[in-house]
Structures are given as structure tokens and as C-alpha cells.
Amino acid sequence: SILPANPTASIVQGDMLAVVVLALLVGISVTQ
């Protein structure tokens, strides 16, 4: 449940943990 299956819904609902996890995944992916 930590993984944001629907990032848009997580952003709308203000789920900060989901936003952090999404940012971590995107940031790590950018380095690759």
C-alpha cells in the first residue's frame, strides 16, 4: 500500500507518504 498505484489520486488526497515514494522512484530513475 506504500506504493502509489494511482499517483494522481494520491496528490489530490494529499497523501504525503505516497508523494515521497513517487519522488524517490522518479529521482532514482532520473539518475539512470
All heavy atoms as atom14 arrays in JSON, in Angstrom:
{
  "sequence": "SILPANPTASIVQGDMLAVVVLALLVGISVTQ",
  "atom14_mask": [
    [1, 1, 1, 1, 1, 1, 0, 0, 0, 0, 0, 0, 0, 0],
    [1, 1, 1, 1, 1, 1, 1, 1, 0, 0, 0, 0, 0, 0],
    [1, 1, 1, 1, 1, 1, 1, 1, 0, 0, 0, 0, 0, 0],
    [1, 1, 1, 1, 1, 1, 1, 0, 0, 0, 0, 0, 0, 0],
    [1, 1, 1, 1, 1, 0, 0, 0, 0, 0, 0, 0, 0, 0],
    [1, 1, 1, 1, 1, 1, 1, 1, 0, 0, 0, 0, 0, 0],
    [1, 1, 1, 1, 1, 1, 1, 0, 0, 0, 0, 0, 0, 0],
    [1, 1, 1, 1, 1, 1, 1, 0, 0, 0, 0, 0, 0, 0],
    [1, 1, 1, 1, 1, 0, 0, 0, 0, 0, 0, 0, 0, 0],
    [1, 1, 1, 1, 1, 1, 0, 0, 0, 0, 0, 0, 0, 0],
    [1, 1, 1, 1, 1, 1, 1, 1, 0, 0, 0, 0, 0, 0],
    [1, 1, 1, 1, 1, 1, 1, 0, 0, 0, 0, 0, 0, 0],
    [1, 1, 1, 1, 1, 1, 1, 1, 1, 0, 0, 0, 0, 0],
    [1, 1, 1, 1, 0, 0, 0, 0, 0, 0, 0, 0, 0, 0],
    [1, 1, 1, 1, 1, 1, 1, 1, 0, 0, 0, 0, 0, 0],
    [1, 1, 1, 1, 1, 1, 1, 1, 0, 0, 0, 0, 0, 0],
    [1, 1, 1, 1, 1, 1, 1, 1, 0, 0, 0, 0, 0, 0],
    [1, 1, 1, 1, 1, 0, 0, 0, 0, 0, 0, 0, 0, 0],
    [1, 1, 1, 1, 1, 1, 1, 0, 0, 0, 0, 0, 0, 0],
    [1, 1, 1, 1, 1, 1, 1, 0, 0, 0, 0, 0, 0, 0],
    [1, 1, 1, 1, 1, 1, 1, 0, 0, 0, 0, 0, 0, 0],
    [1, 1, 1, 1, 1, 1, 1, 1, 0, 0, 0, 0, 0, 0],
    [1, 1, 1, 1, 1, 0, 0, 0, 0, 0, 0, 0, 0, 0],
    [1, 1, 1, 1, 1, 1, 1, 1, 0, 0, 0, 0, 0, 0],
    [1, 1, 1, 1, 1, 1, 1, 1, 0, 0, 0, 0, 0, 0],
    [1, 1, 1, 1, 1, 1, 1, 0, 0, 0, 0, 0, 0, 0],
    [1, 1, 1, 1, 0, 0, 0, 0, 0, 0, 0, 0, 0, 0],
    [1, 1, 1, 1, 1, 1, 1, 1, 0, 0, 0, 0, 0, 0],
    [1, 1, 1, 1, 1, 1, 0, 0, 0, 0, 0, 0, 0, 0],
    [1, 1, 1, 1, 1, 1, 1, 0, 0, 0, 0, 0, 0, 0],
    [1, 1, 1, 1, 1, 1, 1, 0, 0, 0, 0, 0, 0, 0],
    [1, 1, 1, 1, 1, 1, 1, 1, 1, 0, 0, 0, 0, 0]
  ],
  "atom14_positions": [
    [[0.81, -1.22, 0.0], [0.0, 0.0, 0.0], [0.84, 1.27, 0.0], [0.34, 2.35, -0.31], [-0.93, 0.01, 1.22], [-0.17, 0.09, 2.43], [0.0, 0.0, 0.0], [0.0, 0.0, 0.0], [0.0, 0.0, 0.0], [0.0, 0.0, 0.0], [0.0, 0.0, 0.0], [0.0, 0.0, 0.0], [0.0, 0.0, 0.0], [0.0, 0.0, 0.0]],
    [[2.14, 1.15, 0.34], [3.0, 2.32, 0.33], [3.22, 2.82, -1.1], [3.34, 4.03, -1.34], [4.36, 1.99, 0.99], [4.16, 1.75, 2.5], [5.37, 3.1, 0.77], [5.43, 1.32, 3.21], [0.0, 0.0, 0.0], [0.0, 0.0, 0.0], [0.0, 0.0, 0.0], [0.0, 0.0, 0.0], [0.0, 0.0, 0.0], [0.0, 0.0, 0.0]],
    [[3.24, 1.89, -2.06], [3.46, 2.28, -3.45], [2.23, 3.0, -3.98], [1.1, 2.5, -3.86], [3.76, 1.05, -4.31], [5.05, 0.3, -3.96], [5.16, -0.96, -4.81], [6.26, 1.19, -4.17], [0.0, 0.0, 0.0], [0.0, 0.0, 0.0], [0.0, 0.0, 0.0], [0.0, 0.0, 0.0], [0.0, 0.0, 0.0], [0.0, 0.0, 0.0]],
    [[2.4, 4.17, -4.59], [1.25, 4.94, -5.11], [0.74, 4.37, -6.42], [1.2, 4.75, -7.5], [1.82, 6.35, -5.27], [3.28, 6.12, -5.53], [3.67, 4.89, -4.76], [0.0, 0.0, 0.0], [0.0, 0.0, 0.0], [0.0, 0.0, 0.0], [0.0, 0.0, 0.0], [0.0, 0.0, 0.0], [0.0, 0.0, 0.0], [0.0, 0.0, 0.0]],
    [[-0.23, 3.44, -6.35], [-0.76, 2.83, -7.57], [-1.43, 3.88, -8.46], [-1.43, 3.76, -9.68], [-1.76, 1.73, -7.21], [0.0, 0.0, 0.0], [0.0, 0.0, 0.0], [0.0, 0.0, 0.0], [0.0, 0.0, 0.0], [0.0, 0.0, 0.0], [0.0, 0.0, 0.0], [0.0, 0.0, 0.0], [0.0, 0.0, 0.0], [0.0, 0.0, 0.0]],
    [[-2.01, 4.91, -7.84], [-2.64, 5.99, -8.59], [-2.04, 7.31, -8.11], [-2.57, 7.93, -7.18], [-4.16, 5.97, -8.38], [-4.88, 6.95, -9.29], [-4.28, 7.86, -9.86], [-6.19, 6.77, -9.46], [0.0, 0.0, 0.0], [0.0, 0.0, 0.0], [0.0, 0.0, 0.0], [0.0, 0.0, 0.0], [0.0, 0.0, 0.0], [0.0, 0.0, 0.0]],
    [[-0.92, 7.75, -8.69], [-0.26, 8.97, -8.21], [-1.16, 10.19, -8.23], [-1.09, 11.03, -7.32], [0.92, 9.13, -9.18], [1.15, 7.77, -9.73], [-0.19, 7.12, -9.79], [0.0, 0.0, 0.0], [0.0, 0.0, 0.0], [0.0, 0.0, 0.0], [0.0, 0.0, 0.0], [0.0, 0.0, 0.0], [0.0, 0.0, 0.0], [0.0, 0.0, 0.0]],
    [[-2.02, 10.3, -9.25], [-2.91, 11.47, -9.32], [-3.84, 11.51, -8.12], [-4.03, 12.57, -7.51], [-3.72, 11.43, -10.63], [-2.84, 11.36, -11.74], [-4.59, 12.67, -10.74], [0.0, 0.0, 0.0], [0.0, 0.0, 0.0], [0.0, 0.0, 0.0], [0.0, 0.0, 0.0], [0.0, 0.0, 0.0], [0.0, 0.0, 0.0], [0.0, 0.0, 0.0]],
    [[-4.42, 10.36, -7.77], [-5.31, 10.32, -6.61], [-4.55, 10.63, -5.33], [-5.07, 11.32, -4.43], [-5.98, 8.95, -6.51], [0.0, 0.0, 0.0], [0.0, 0.0, 0.0], [0.0, 0.0, 0.0], [0.0, 0.0, 0.0], [0.0, 0.0, 0.0], [0.0, 0.0, 0.0], [0.0, 0.0, 0.0], [0.0, 0.0, 0.0], [0.0, 0.0, 0.0]],
    [[-3.32, 10.15, -5.22], [-2.52, 10.42, -4.02], [-2.24, 11.91, -3.87], [-2.29, 12.46, -2.77], [-1.2, 9.65, -4.1], [-1.42, 8.26, -4.16], [0.0, 0.0, 0.0], [0.0, 0.0, 0.0], [0.0, 0.0, 0.0], [0.0, 0.0, 0.0], [0.0, 0.0, 0.0], [0.0, 0.0, 0.0], [0.0, 0.0, 0.0], [0.0, 0.0, 0.0]],
    [[-1.97, 12.57, -5.0], [-1.71, 14.01, -4.96], [-2.97, 14.77, -4.57], [-2.94, 15.68, -3.75], [-1.18, 14.49, -6.33], [0.22, 13.91, -6.58], [-1.13, 16.01, -6.39], [0.77, 14.2, -7.96], [0.0, 0.0, 0.0], [0.0, 0.0, 0.0], [0.0, 0.0, 0.0], [0.0, 0.0, 0.0], [0.0, 0.0, 0.0], [0.0, 0.0, 0.0]],
    [[-4.11, 14.38, -5.15], [-5.37, 15.05, -4.84], [-5.74, 14.87, -3.37], [-6.22, 15.8, -2.71], [-6.49, 14.52, -5.76], [-7.85, 15.05, -5.31], [-6.23, 14.91, -7.21], [0.0, 0.0, 0.0], [0.0, 0.0, 0.0], [0.0, 0.0, 0.0], [0.0, 0.0, 0.0], [0.0, 0.0, 0.0], [0.0, 0.0, 0.0], [0.0, 0.0, 0.0]],
    [[-5.5, 13.67, -2.84], [-5.85, 13.38, -1.45], [-4.81, 13.9, -0.46], [-5.03, 13.82, 0.75], [-6.01, 11.87, -1.28], [-7.16, 11.28, -2.08], [-7.15, 9.77, -2.1], [-6.31, 9.14, -1.43], [-8.06, 9.17, -2.83], [0.0, 0.0, 0.0], [0.0, 0.0, 0.0], [0.0, 0.0, 0.0], [0.0, 0.0, 0.0], [0.0, 0.0, 0.0]],
    [[-3.69, 14.41, -0.96], [-2.66, 14.93, -0.07], [-1.91, 13.86, 0.69], [-1.46, 14.08, 1.81], [0.0, 0.0, 0.0], [0.0, 0.0, 0.0], [0.0, 0.0, 0.0], [0.0, 0.0, 0.0], [0.0, 0.0, 0.0], [0.0, 0.0, 0.0], [0.0, 0.0, 0.0], [0.0, 0.0, 0.0], [0.0, 0.0, 0.0], [0.0, 0.0, 0.0]],
    [[-1.78, 12.67, 0.09], [-1.06, 11.56, 0.73], [0.43, 11.81, 0.58], [1.05, 11.46, -0.43], [-1.47, 10.24, 0.06], [-0.89, 9.03, 0.79], [-0.03, 9.22, 1.68], [-1.29, 7.9, 0.46], [0.0, 0.0, 0.0], [0.0, 0.0, 0.0], [0.0, 0.0, 0.0], [0.0, 0.0, 0.0], [0.0, 0.0, 0.0], [0.0, 0.0, 0.0]],
    [[1.03, 12.41, 1.62], [2.42, 12.82, 1.53], [3.38, 11.64, 1.41], [4.4, 11.72, 0.72], [2.81, 13.67, 2.75], [2.12, 15.01, 2.79], [2.47, 15.97, 1.29], [1.32, 17.32, 1.5], [0.0, 0.0, 0.0], [0.0, 0.0, 0.0], [0.0, 0.0, 0.0], [0.0, 0.0, 0.0], [0.0, 0.0, 0.0], [0.0, 0.0, 0.0]],
    [[3.08, 10.54, 2.09], [3.96, 9.38, 2.0], [4.0, 8.85, 0.57], [5.07, 8.5, 0.06], [3.49, 8.29, 2.96], [4.34, 7.01, 3.0], [5.78, 7.35, 3.38], [3.75, 6.0, 3.97], [0.0, 0.0, 0.0], [0.0, 0.0, 0.0], [0.0, 0.0, 0.0], [0.0, 0.0, 0.0], [0.0, 0.0, 0.0], [0.0, 0.0, 0.0]],
    [[2.84, 8.81, -0.09], [2.8, 8.35, -1.48], [3.58, 9.3, -2.39], [4.28, 8.86, -3.31], [1.35, 8.23, -1.96], [0.0, 0.0, 0.0], [0.0, 0.0, 0.0], [0.0, 0.0, 0.0], [0.0, 0.0, 0.0], [0.0, 0.0, 0.0], [0.0, 0.0, 0.0], [0.0, 0.0, 0.0], [0.0, 0.0, 0.0], [0.0, 0.0, 0.0]],
    [[3.46, 10.6, -2.13], [4.21, 11.58, -2.92], [5.71, 11.41, -2.73], [6.49, 11.48, -3.7], [3.78, 13.01, -2.55], [4.67, 14.05, -3.23], [2.32, 13.25, -2.91], [0.0, 0.0, 0.0], [0.0, 0.0, 0.0], [0.0, 0.0, 0.0], [0.0, 0.0, 0.0], [0.0, 0.0, 0.0], [0.0, 0.0, 0.0], [0.0, 0.0, 0.0]],
    [[6.13, 11.15, -1.49], [7.55, 10.95, -1.22], [8.06, 9.7, -1.93], [9.14, 9.71, -2.54], [7.79, 10.84, 0.3], [9.19, 10.31, 0.6], [7.61, 12.2, 0.96], [0.0, 0.0, 0.0], [0.0, 0.0, 0.0], [0.0, 0.0, 0.0], [0.0, 0.0, 0.0], [0.0, 0.0, 0.0], [0.0, 0.0, 0.0], [0.0, 0.0, 0.0]],
    [[7.29, 8.61, -1.86], [7.7, 7.37, -2.52], [7.79, 7.59, -4.03], [8.76, 7.15, -4.69], [6.72, 6.23, -2.19], [7.03, 5.0, -3.03], [6.79, 5.89, -0.72], [0.0, 0.0, 0.0], [0.0, 0.0, 0.0], [0.0, 0.0, 0.0], [0.0, 0.0, 0.0], [0.0, 0.0, 0.0], [0.0, 0.0, 0.0], [0.0, 0.0, 0.0]],
    [[6.81, 8.28, -4.61], [6.84, 8.57, -6.04], [8.06, 9.4, -6.41], [8.75, 9.13, -7.41], [5.56, 9.29, -6.45], [5.46, 9.73, -7.92], [5.48, 8.52, -8.84], [4.2, 10.57, -8.14], [0.0, 0.0, 0.0], [0.0, 0.0, 0.0], [0.0, 0.0, 0.0], [0.0, 0.0, 0.0], [0.0, 0.0, 0.0], [0.0, 0.0, 0.0]],
    [[8.35, 10.42, -5.59], [9.52, 11.26, -5.87], [10.81, 10.47, -5.76], [11.74, 10.67, -6.55], [9.53, 12.44, -4.89], [0.0, 0.0, 0.0], [0.0, 0.0, 0.0], [0.0, 0.0, 0.0], [0.0, 0.0, 0.0], [0.0, 0.0, 0.0], [0.0, 0.0, 0.0], [0.0, 0.0, 0.0], [0.0, 0.0, 0.0], [0.0, 0.0, 0.0]],
    [[10.89, 9.56, -4.79], [12.09, 8.72, -4.66], [12.28, 7.85, -5.9], [13.4, 7.74, -6.44], [11.98, 7.84, -3.41], [12.14, 8.54, -2.06], [11.8, 7.59, -0.93], [13.56, 9.08, -1.9], [0.0, 0.0, 0.0], [0.0, 0.0, 0.0], [0.0, 0.0, 0.0], [0.0, 0.0, 0.0], [0.0, 0.0, 0.0], [0.0, 0.0, 0.0]],
    [[11.2, 7.23, -6.36], [11.3, 6.36, -7.54], [11.69, 7.17, -8.78], [12.55, 6.74, -9.57], [9.97, 5.64, -7.76], [9.57, 4.63, -6.68], [8.19, 4.07, -6.97], [10.58, 3.51, -6.58], [0.0, 0.0, 0.0], [0.0, 0.0, 0.0], [0.0, 0.0, 0.0], [0.0, 0.0, 0.0], [0.0, 0.0, 0.0], [0.0, 0.0, 0.0]],
    [[11.06, 8.34, -8.96], [11.37, 9.17, -10.12], [12.81, 9.68, -10.04], [13.55, 9.68, -11.03], [10.38, 10.34, -10.23], [10.81, 11.32, -11.33], [8.98, 9.82, -10.53], [0.0, 0.0, 0.0], [0.0, 0.0, 0.0], [0.0, 0.0, 0.0], [0.0, 0.0, 0.0], [0.0, 0.0, 0.0], [0.0, 0.0, 0.0], [0.0, 0.0, 0.0]],
    [[13.23, 10.13, -8.84], [14.58, 10.65, -8.68], [15.65, 9.61, -8.94], [16.66, 9.89, -9.61], [0.0, 0.0, 0.0], [0.0, 0.0, 0.0], [0.0, 0.0, 0.0], [0.0, 0.0, 0.0], [0.0, 0.0, 0.0], [0.0, 0.0, 0.0], [0.0, 0.0, 0.0], [0.0, 0.0, 0.0], [0.0, 0.0, 0.0], [0.0, 0.0, 0.0]],
    [[15.44, 8.4, -8.43], [16.4, 7.33, -8.68], [16.42, 6.97, -10.16], [17.48, 6.72, -10.75], [16.06, 6.1, -7.82], [16.25, 6.43, -6.34], [16.94, 4.91, -8.2], [15.79, 5.35, -5.39], [0.0, 0.0, 0.0], [0.0, 0.0, 0.0], [0.0, 0.0, 0.0], [0.0, 0.0, 0.0], [0.0, 0.0, 0.0], [0.0, 0.0, 0.0]],
    [[15.23, 6.97, -10.79], [15.17, 6.65, -12.22], [15.89, 7.7, -13.06], [16.55, 7.37, -14.05], [13.7, 6.55, -12.66], [13.6, 6.27, -14.04], [0.0, 0.0, 0.0], [0.0, 0.0, 0.0], [0.0, 0.0, 0.0], [0.0, 0.0, 0.0], [0.0, 0.0, 0.0], [0.0, 0.0, 0.0], [0.0, 0.0, 0.0], [0.0, 0.0, 0.0]],
    [[15.8, 8.96, -12.64], [16.48, 10.04, -13.38], [17.98, 9.82, -13.4], [18.65, 10.1, -14.41], [16.12, 11.41, -12.76], [17.05, 12.49, -13.28], [14.68, 11.77, -13.08], [0.0, 0.0, 0.0], [0.0, 0.0, 0.0], [0.0, 0.0, 0.0], [0.0, 0.0, 0.0], [0.0, 0.0, 0.0], [0.0, 0.0, 0.0], [0.0, 0.0, 0.0]],
    [[18.53, 9.3, -12.29], [19.98, 9.08, -12.24], [20.42, 7.98, -13.2], [21.62, 7.88, -13.5], [20.41, 8.71, -10.82], [19.76, 7.48, -10.42], [20.03, 9.81, -9.83], [0.0, 0.0, 0.0], [0.0, 0.0, 0.0], [0.0, 0.0, 0.0], [0.0, 0.0, 0.0], [0.0, 0.0, 0.0], [0.0, 0.0, 0.0], [0.0, 0.0, 0.0]],
    [[19.48, 7.16, -13.66], [19.82, 6.07, -14.58], [19.6, 6.45, -16.04], [19.82, 5.62, -16.93], [18.96, 4.83, -14.25], [19.0, 4.41, -12.79], [20.38, 4.02, -12.33], [21.12, 3.34, -13.04], [20.76, 4.48, -11.14], [0.0, 0.0, 0.0], [0.0, 0.0, 0.0], [0.0, 0.0, 0.0], [0.0, 0.0, 0.0], [0.0, 0.0, 0.0]]
  ]
}
